[in-house]
């Protein structure tokens, strides 16, 4: 995301404020949006009005604040429909567990939820609640439902909460939410002129002419990264294992089957790139020898396969990395730890590694969401459950920071 304040002239942001102590932070968000030139219309729930007076938001936004579905209308239009149509972006900050649940279920029982249900604009949620409320299965399912429908999220952050608990649930700071708004309304082109290579999907290691060893990778994370890079102006080469996804338009596509083919493609493309993001899941083992004919059943006996380790593609590429290049890897684990992922990052000469426990709900294979921890030299950033495309953009933000540090 750009470090300079965006020009949001001509953009209309509808900001929903629900009833949490973090409602006071929404005041600064309105101020930032107005300074960037956006038109801001605020909708408050009754509970939100107990924390911050509507007059405060009216003064900051220079627009009336909507609080009542049956209140006075502006001109002849039904107010919630008018606001829904005007929005270029619909933001809810703070988004409480209650509001998230209502949106997931399609409940429209106040001005905020009614307008949210009526809008076709993109939606950005900034969750804020007690840690246990955030981690509760119901809340996570509701968030997953909204993300699957296209909603974006920012935060929540970890730290000391108003209730005294320490953990995830604190609403992101206004600057972070503003940056997310900026990214959605003003695509930055911050990768323009850069060449990026992305790997995605599984590899297949032949046992015989009809069978192979592989894994459950769908390629969705790598394809999301490629799409995000293209949207931000990069020239993209996508090296893809066998997947059932349509390649993103504008990318150069190289299809590979085996880990050996993946290695040759990566080592051939990497020297000319600025950024290498290795989201593929190459097989760690291959048959010691592939049979020329189909392996027949051995009666009632067992079939013993001899396997050999495949080449570590990320390490081989990392050993050839040039000083200006940024290399990123992924560590999909069933358990493990941040420390172990960081050791892998160092061993493979990566600038950044994306660690995720695929046993966590919403973070496994062939789903639309992910939960990543971004680990670089001296920095660990935990991302909450979000769409793979959202995670891709946050990953690219980290890549830019690393690249800027290299070029200083």
Protein backbone atom coordinates (compact mmCIF):
# COMPACT_ATOMS: atom_id res chain seq x y z
CA UNK A 1 0.00 0.00 0.00
CA UNK A 2 1.23 3.44 -0.76
CA UNK A 3 2.84 5.38 2.05
CA UNK A 4 1.50 8.62 0.59
CA UNK A 5 -2.06 9.67 1.28
CA UNK A 6 -4.33 8.79 -1.60
CA UNK A 7 -6.47 11.15 -3.63
CA UNK A 8 -9.98 9.86 -2.99
CA UNK A 9 -11.71 12.75 -4.73
CA UNK A 10 -15.00 11.59 -6.21
CA UNK A 11 -15.16 8.48 -4.01
CA UNK A 12 -17.98 7.88 -1.54
CA UNK A 13 -17.38 5.81 1.57
CA UNK A 14 -20.28 4.68 3.73
CA UNK A 15 -18.95 3.98 7.21
CA UNK A 16 -20.93 1.81 9.56
CA UNK A 17 -20.09 2.20 13.25
CA UNK A 18 -21.34 -0.53 15.57
CA UNK A 19 -21.42 -0.69 19.33
CA UNK A 20 -17.94 -1.26 20.69
CA UNK A 21 -15.46 0.78 22.68
CA UNK A 22 -13.37 1.07 19.51
CA UNK A 23 -16.08 3.33 18.05
CA UNK A 24 -13.98 6.32 19.11
CA UNK A 25 -11.27 5.26 16.62
CA UNK A 26 -13.77 5.62 13.78
CA UNK A 27 -13.69 9.39 14.35
CA UNK A 28 -10.06 9.53 13.22
CA UNK A 29 -10.87 7.29 10.26
CA UNK A 30 -13.54 9.74 9.09
CA UNK A 31 -11.06 12.58 9.43
CA UNK A 32 -8.46 10.75 7.33
CA UNK A 33 -11.00 9.92 4.65
CA UNK A 34 -12.19 13.52 4.44
CA UNK A 35 -8.63 14.85 4.20
CA UNK A 36 -8.07 12.47 1.27
CA UNK A 37 -11.07 14.01 -0.48
CA UNK A 38 -13.67 11.27 0.02
CA UNK A 39 -17.35 11.89 0.68
CA UNK A 40 -18.17 10.10 3.93
CA UNK A 41 -21.61 9.07 5.16
CA UNK A 42 -21.80 7.55 8.62
CA UNK A 43 -24.38 5.05 9.83
CA UNK A 44 -24.46 4.31 13.56
CA UNK A 45 -26.18 1.58 15.50
CA UNK A 46 -28.04 2.55 18.67
CA UNK A 47 -25.28 0.91 20.73
CA UNK A 48 -22.58 2.89 18.90
CA UNK A 49 -24.37 6.12 19.80
CA UNK A 50 -23.86 5.20 23.48
CA UNK A 51 -20.08 5.39 22.98
CA UNK A 52 -19.80 8.38 20.59
CA UNK A 53 -22.42 11.06 19.96
CA UNK A 54 -23.74 11.22 16.37
CA UNK A 55 -22.97 14.95 16.38
CA UNK A 56 -19.26 14.13 16.45
CA UNK A 57 -19.47 12.14 13.22
CA UNK A 58 -21.78 14.70 11.65
CA UNK A 59 -19.23 17.43 12.32
CA UNK A 60 -16.29 15.38 11.02
CA UNK A 61 -18.05 14.08 7.92
CA UNK A 62 -20.01 17.26 7.12
CA UNK A 63 -22.99 14.99 6.40
CA UNK A 64 -26.02 13.95 8.43
CA UNK A 65 -25.53 10.76 10.43
CA UNK A 66 -28.03 7.96 9.82
CA UNK A 67 -29.19 6.15 12.93
CA UNK A 68 -32.83 5.20 12.36
CA UNK A 69 -34.28 3.17 9.50
CA UNK A 70 -37.50 5.15 9.80
CA UNK A 71 -35.92 8.56 10.33
CA UNK A 72 -36.23 11.58 8.06
CA UNK A 73 -35.26 11.00 4.46
CA UNK A 74 -33.03 13.08 2.24
CA UNK A 75 -34.97 14.33 -0.77
CA UNK A 76 -37.47 11.70 -1.93
CA UNK A 77 -35.35 8.57 -1.66
CA UNK A 78 -35.59 5.91 1.01
CA UNK A 79 -32.46 6.69 3.00
CA UNK A 80 -30.91 3.24 3.33
CA UNK A 81 -31.35 2.61 -0.41
CA UNK A 82 -29.88 6.03 -1.22
CA UNK A 83 -26.78 5.37 0.86
CA UNK A 84 -26.43 1.84 -0.51
CA UNK A 85 -26.42 3.18 -4.08
CA UNK A 86 -23.98 6.02 -3.35
CA UNK A 87 -21.29 3.83 -1.79
CA UNK A 88 -18.10 3.09 -3.68
CA UNK A 89 -17.00 1.22 -0.57
CA UNK A 90 -18.92 0.09 2.51
CA UNK A 91 -16.77 0.03 5.65
CA UNK A 92 -17.81 -1.22 9.08
CA UNK A 93 -15.44 -0.17 11.86
CA UNK A 94 -15.75 -1.43 14.47
CA UNK A 95 -17.46 -4.58 13.25
CA UNK A 96 -18.71 -6.36 16.36
CA UNK A 97 -19.45 -10.07 16.60
CA UNK A 98 -23.15 -9.19 16.63
CA UNK A 99 -23.03 -7.20 13.38
CA UNK A 100 -20.84 -9.82 11.70
CA UNK A 101 -23.37 -12.51 12.67
CA UNK A 102 -26.29 -10.47 11.33
CA UNK A 103 -24.55 -9.83 8.02
CA UNK A 104 -23.64 -13.50 7.63
CA UNK A 105 -27.26 -14.51 8.18
CA UNK A 106 -28.75 -11.71 6.06
CA UNK A 107 -30.53 -10.08 9.00
CA UNK A 108 -31.53 -6.46 8.40
CA UNK A 109 -33.07 -5.05 11.58
CA UNK A 110 -31.51 -1.58 11.78
CA UNK A 111 -30.17 1.11 9.45
CA UNK A 112 -26.64 -0.33 9.32
CA UNK A 113 -27.54 -3.93 8.49
CA UNK A 114 -30.37 -2.87 6.17
CA UNK A 115 -28.05 -0.65 4.14
CA UNK A 116 -25.30 -3.28 4.12
CA UNK A 117 -27.72 -5.84 2.72
CA UNK A 118 -28.92 -3.41 0.05
CA UNK A 119 -25.52 -2.29 -1.27
CA UNK A 120 -23.60 -3.76 -4.18
CA UNK A 121 -20.42 -1.96 -3.13
CA UNK A 122 -17.33 -3.83 -1.90
CA UNK A 123 -17.34 -4.30 1.87
CA UNK A 124 -14.46 -3.87 4.30
CA UNK A 125 -14.81 -5.11 7.88
CA UNK A 126 -12.61 -4.10 10.82
CA UNK A 127 -13.51 -6.67 13.51
CA UNK A 128 -13.30 -5.62 17.16
CA UNK A 129 -14.31 -7.78 20.11
CA UNK A 130 -13.16 -9.87 23.05
CA UNK A 131 -10.55 -12.49 22.15
CA UNK A 132 -12.76 -15.46 22.97
CA UNK A 133 -15.64 -13.94 21.01
CA UNK A 134 -13.35 -13.54 18.01
CA UNK A 135 -11.98 -17.08 18.26
CA UNK A 136 -15.41 -18.62 18.87
CA UNK A 137 -16.40 -21.12 16.20
CA UNK A 138 -19.57 -19.18 15.40
CA UNK A 139 -17.67 -15.93 14.77
CA UNK A 140 -15.02 -17.62 12.65
CA UNK A 141 -17.70 -19.34 10.57
CA UNK A 142 -19.57 -16.06 10.12
CA UNK A 143 -16.38 -14.30 9.01
CA UNK A 144 -15.59 -17.15 6.61
CA UNK A 145 -19.08 -16.83 5.14
CA UNK A 146 -18.68 -13.10 4.53
CA UNK A 147 -15.17 -13.49 3.12
CA UNK A 148 -16.40 -16.19 0.75
CA UNK A 149 -19.02 -13.69 -0.46
CA UNK A 150 -16.28 -11.17 -1.23
CA UNK A 151 -15.99 -9.09 1.95
CA UNK A 152 -12.50 -7.89 2.88
CA UNK A 153 -11.17 -7.67 6.42
CA UNK A 154 -8.49 -5.63 8.16
CA UNK A 155 -7.33 -6.87 11.55
CA UNK A 156 -8.08 -7.51 14.29
CA UNK A 157 -4.75 -6.95 15.98
CA UNK A 158 -3.34 -8.62 19.08
CA UNK A 159 -2.66 -6.83 22.34
CA UNK A 160 -4.31 -5.54 25.49
CA UNK A 161 -8.07 -5.22 25.06
CA UNK A 162 -10.44 -2.87 26.86
CA UNK A 163 -11.84 -5.83 28.82
CA UNK A 164 -8.37 -6.55 30.23
CA UNK A 165 -7.71 -9.65 28.13
CA UNK A 166 -4.59 -9.96 26.01
CA UNK A 167 -4.97 -11.49 22.55
CA UNK A 168 -6.53 -11.01 19.12
CA UNK A 169 -9.58 -8.78 18.93
CA UNK A 170 -8.33 -5.21 19.08
CA UNK A 171 -9.55 -3.14 16.13
CA UNK A 172 -6.84 -2.06 13.73
CA UNK A 173 -5.64 1.50 14.05
CA UNK A 174 -7.33 4.12 11.82
CA UNK A 175 -4.16 4.43 9.73
CA UNK A 176 -4.27 0.71 8.92
CA UNK A 177 -7.96 0.81 8.05
CA UNK A 178 -7.41 3.89 5.89
CA UNK A 179 -4.58 2.09 4.07
CA UNK A 180 -6.95 -0.80 3.35
CA UNK A 181 -9.55 1.67 2.02
CA UNK A 182 -6.88 3.31 -0.10
CA UNK A 183 -5.82 -0.02 -1.59
CA UNK A 184 -9.41 -0.91 -2.48
CA UNK A 185 -10.33 2.47 -3.98
CA UNK A 186 -7.00 3.50 -5.50
CA UNK A 187 -5.03 0.56 -6.92
CA UNK A 188 -1.47 1.72 -6.48
CA UNK A 189 0.48 0.16 -9.35
CA UNK A 190 3.32 -0.11 -6.84
CA UNK A 191 4.79 -3.14 -8.65
CA UNK A 192 4.90 -1.39 -12.03
CA UNK A 193 8.12 -2.14 -13.88
CA UNK A 194 8.94 -5.17 -11.73
CA UNK A 195 9.24 -8.72 -13.01
CA UNK A 196 7.74 -11.35 -10.74
CA UNK A 197 7.84 -15.13 -10.92
CA UNK A 198 5.18 -17.08 -9.01
CA UNK A 199 4.93 -20.83 -8.54
CA UNK A 200 1.64 -22.55 -7.74
CA UNK A 201 -0.01 -25.91 -7.34
CA UNK A 202 1.31 -29.43 -6.72
CA UNK A 203 3.76 -31.59 -8.61
CA UNK A 204 3.24 -35.19 -9.70
CA UNK A 205 5.87 -37.90 -9.49
CA UNK A 206 5.17 -40.87 -11.75
CA UNK A 207 4.95 -44.37 -10.27
CA UNK A 208 4.08 -45.93 -13.59
CA UNK A 209 2.29 -44.77 -16.77
CA UNK A 210 -1.06 -44.40 -14.96
CA UNK A 211 -0.23 -43.57 -11.33
CA UNK A 212 1.63 -40.81 -9.53
CA UNK A 213 2.45 -39.39 -6.11
CA UNK A 214 1.13 -35.88 -5.42
CA UNK A 215 -0.40 -33.71 -2.68
CA UNK A 216 -3.61 -31.76 -2.02
CA UNK A 217 -2.42 -28.34 -3.20
CA UNK A 218 -5.07 -26.64 -5.36
CA UNK A 219 -2.89 -23.76 -6.56
CA UNK A 220 -5.40 -21.18 -5.29
CA UNK A 221 -2.89 -19.31 -3.12
CA UNK A 222 -0.30 -19.00 -5.88
CA UNK A 223 -2.91 -17.95 -8.44
CA UNK A 224 -4.21 -15.32 -5.99
CA UNK A 225 -0.65 -13.96 -5.63
CA UNK A 226 -0.29 -13.80 -9.42
CA UNK A 227 -3.61 -11.95 -9.73
CA UNK A 228 -2.60 -9.46 -7.03
CA UNK A 229 0.76 -8.81 -8.73
CA UNK A 230 -0.93 -8.20 -12.08
CA UNK A 231 -3.42 -5.81 -10.48
CA UNK A 232 -0.52 -3.89 -8.97
CA UNK A 233 1.35 -3.52 -12.25
CA UNK A 234 3.91 -6.31 -12.23
CA UNK A 235 4.95 -8.36 -15.25
CA UNK A 236 4.16 -11.89 -14.08
CA UNK A 237 5.40 -15.34 -15.02
CA UNK A 238 3.26 -18.06 -13.42
CA UNK A 239 4.85 -21.51 -13.14
CA UNK A 240 1.96 -23.84 -12.45
CA UNK A 241 1.67 -27.47 -11.53
CA UNK A 242 -1.42 -29.43 -12.64
CA UNK A 243 -4.48 -27.56 -11.33
CA UNK A 244 -8.05 -26.96 -12.49
CA UNK A 245 -7.86 -23.16 -12.34
CA UNK A 246 -8.09 -20.68 -15.19
CA UNK A 247 -4.78 -18.81 -15.53
CA UNK A 248 -4.95 -15.09 -14.74
CA UNK A 249 -5.13 -12.94 -17.86
CA UNK A 250 -1.91 -11.10 -18.56
CA UNK A 251 0.45 -13.62 -16.99
CA UNK A 252 2.98 -15.70 -18.90
CA UNK A 253 2.07 -19.29 -18.04
CA UNK A 254 4.56 -22.15 -17.81
CA UNK A 255 3.03 -25.53 -17.02
CA UNK A 256 5.08 -28.17 -15.22
CA UNK A 257 4.33 -31.66 -13.99
CA UNK A 258 7.17 -32.99 -11.85
CA UNK A 259 9.40 -31.39 -9.22
CA UNK A 260 12.30 -31.74 -11.65
CA UNK A 261 10.38 -29.74 -14.25
CA UNK A 262 9.46 -27.17 -11.61
CA UNK A 263 13.10 -26.83 -10.62
CA UNK A 264 14.24 -26.30 -14.20
CA UNK A 265 11.55 -23.66 -14.76
CA UNK A 266 12.30 -21.78 -11.55
CA UNK A 267 16.07 -21.83 -12.04
CA UNK A 268 15.57 -20.69 -15.62
CA UNK A 269 13.22 -17.79 -14.80
CA UNK A 270 14.55 -16.62 -11.41
CA UNK A 271 17.77 -14.89 -12.60
CA UNK A 272 15.79 -12.29 -14.57
CA UNK A 273 13.14 -11.47 -11.94
CA UNK A 274 12.88 -8.91 -9.16
CA UNK A 275 10.55 -10.99 -7.00
CA UNK A 276 10.18 -14.77 -6.71
CA UNK A 277 7.18 -16.06 -4.74
CA UNK A 278 7.18 -19.84 -4.36
CA UNK A 279 3.67 -20.90 -3.40
CA UNK A 280 3.87 -24.27 -5.15
CA UNK A 281 3.88 -27.47 -3.13
CA UNK A 282 6.50 -29.67 -4.80
CA UNK A 283 6.58 -33.31 -3.80
CA UNK A 284 9.34 -34.01 -1.28
CA UNK A 285 9.69 -37.60 -2.46
CA UNK A 286 9.58 -39.40 -5.80
CA UNK A 287 9.76 -43.09 -6.69
CA UNK A 288 13.35 -44.26 -6.93
CA UNK A 289 12.39 -45.69 -10.30
CA UNK A 290 9.24 -45.17 -12.35
CA UNK A 291 8.00 -48.39 -13.91
CA UNK A 292 7.56 -48.48 -17.68
CA UNK A 293 4.40 -50.59 -17.39
CA UNK A 294 1.43 -50.44 -15.06
CA UNK A 295 2.22 -52.06 -11.72
CA UNK A 296 -0.01 -55.10 -11.25
CA UNK A 297 -1.56 -56.22 -7.99
CA UNK A 298 0.67 -58.54 -6.00
CA UNK A 299 -2.05 -61.02 -5.00
CA UNK A 300 -2.76 -60.57 -1.31
CA UNK A 301 0.75 -59.40 -0.64
CA UNK A 302 2.08 -55.90 0.02
CA UNK A 303 3.61 -53.55 -2.49
CA UNK A 304 6.80 -51.90 -1.26
CA UNK A 305 7.81 -48.65 -2.90
CA UNK A 306 11.32 -47.22 -2.70
CA UNK A 307 11.32 -43.42 -2.63
CA UNK A 308 14.05 -40.82 -3.05
CA UNK A 309 14.09 -37.21 -1.97
CA UNK A 310 13.46 -34.63 -4.67
CA UNK A 311 15.55 -31.51 -5.13
CA UNK A 312 14.80 -28.65 -2.73
CA UNK A 313 13.73 -26.11 -5.34
CA UNK A 314 13.51 -23.13 -2.98
CA UNK A 315 16.97 -23.78 -1.56
CA UNK A 316 18.52 -24.24 -5.00
CA UNK A 317 17.01 -20.93 -6.15
CA UNK A 318 17.98 -19.19 -2.92
CA UNK A 319 21.61 -20.14 -3.29
CA UNK A 320 21.63 -18.24 -6.60
CA UNK A 321 19.74 -15.18 -5.34
CA UNK A 322 21.11 -11.76 -6.29
CA UNK A 323 21.31 -8.94 -3.71
CA UNK A 324 18.45 -6.88 -5.18
CA UNK A 325 16.03 -9.79 -5.47
CA UNK A 326 13.29 -10.67 -2.96
CA UNK A 327 12.55 -14.38 -2.58
CA UNK A 328 9.48 -15.65 -0.74
CA UNK A 329 8.58 -19.19 0.27
CA UNK A 330 5.68 -20.98 1.91
CA UNK A 331 5.70 -23.43 4.80
CA UNK A 332 2.46 -25.41 4.93
CA UNK A 333 2.67 -27.51 8.08
CA UNK A 334 0.50 -29.72 10.28
CA UNK A 335 1.65 -28.11 13.49
CA UNK A 336 5.17 -26.76 13.71
CA UNK A 337 6.09 -23.32 14.98
CA UNK A 338 7.15 -19.86 13.92
CA UNK A 339 10.69 -20.67 15.03
CA UNK A 340 10.86 -23.75 12.82
CA UNK A 341 9.48 -21.78 9.88
CA UNK A 342 12.10 -19.07 10.43
CA UNK A 343 14.84 -21.71 10.46
CA UNK A 344 13.52 -22.96 7.12
CA UNK A 345 13.58 -19.37 5.82
CA UNK A 346 17.25 -19.01 6.72
CA UNK A 347 18.18 -22.44 5.41
CA UNK A 348 16.59 -21.72 2.03
CA UNK A 349 18.01 -18.17 1.80
CA UNK A 350 14.54 -16.61 1.70
CA UNK A 351 13.74 -13.01 2.58
CA UNK A 352 10.23 -13.94 3.73
CA UNK A 353 8.40 -17.15 4.52
CA UNK A 354 4.64 -17.58 4.85
CA UNK A 355 3.85 -20.11 7.56
CA UNK A 356 0.43 -21.69 7.85
CA UNK A 357 -0.93 -24.64 9.78
CA UNK A 358 -3.15 -26.42 7.27
CA UNK A 359 -5.01 -28.25 10.04
CA UNK A 360 -6.66 -24.98 11.13
CA UNK A 361 -10.18 -24.44 9.85
CA UNK A 362 -10.17 -22.16 6.85
CA UNK A 363 -6.43 -22.59 6.24
CA UNK A 364 -6.32 -25.99 4.57
CA UNK A 365 -6.03 -27.02 0.96
CA UNK A 366 -8.59 -26.20 -1.74
CA UNK A 367 -10.43 -23.53 0.27
CA UNK A 368 -10.91 -19.83 -0.54
CA UNK A 369 -9.38 -18.54 2.73
CA UNK A 370 -6.07 -18.79 4.54
CA UNK A 371 -4.39 -17.93 7.85
CA UNK A 372 -0.77 -16.88 7.32
CA UNK A 373 2.09 -15.78 9.54
CA UNK A 374 4.59 -13.67 7.58
CA UNK A 375 8.13 -14.14 8.88
CA UNK A 376 11.07 -12.06 7.72
CA UNK A 377 14.36 -11.07 9.31
CA UNK A 378 13.41 -9.79 12.78
CA UNK A 379 9.71 -9.41 11.98
CA UNK A 380 6.69 -11.66 12.51
CA UNK A 381 3.25 -10.56 11.32
CA UNK A 382 0.24 -12.75 12.04
CA UNK A 383 -2.69 -12.42 9.66
CA UNK A 384 -6.21 -13.44 10.67
CA UNK A 385 -8.51 -15.61 8.61
CA UNK A 386 -9.09 -13.90 5.26
CA UNK A 387 -9.48 -14.61 1.58
CA UNK A 388 -6.40 -15.82 -0.25
CA UNK A 389 -6.51 -12.72 -2.44
CA UNK A 390 -6.50 -10.46 0.62
CA UNK A 391 -3.62 -12.44 2.09
CA UNK A 392 -1.79 -12.07 -1.23
CA UNK A 393 -2.04 -8.28 -1.11
CA UNK A 394 -0.77 -8.13 2.47
CA UNK A 395 2.06 -10.45 1.49
CA UNK A 396 2.96 -8.09 -1.36
CA UNK A 397 2.97 -5.15 1.05
CA UNK A 398 5.66 -6.97 3.05
CA UNK A 399 7.61 -7.72 -0.13
CA UNK A 400 7.67 -4.02 -0.97
CA UNK A 401 9.00 -3.14 2.48
CA UNK A 402 11.78 -5.71 2.14
CA UNK A 403 12.63 -4.48 -1.35
CA UNK A 404 12.80 -0.85 -0.22
CA UNK A 405 15.20 -1.82 2.58
CA UNK A 406 17.43 -3.65 0.08
CA UNK A 407 17.60 -0.66 -2.24
CA UNK A 408 18.50 1.91 0.43
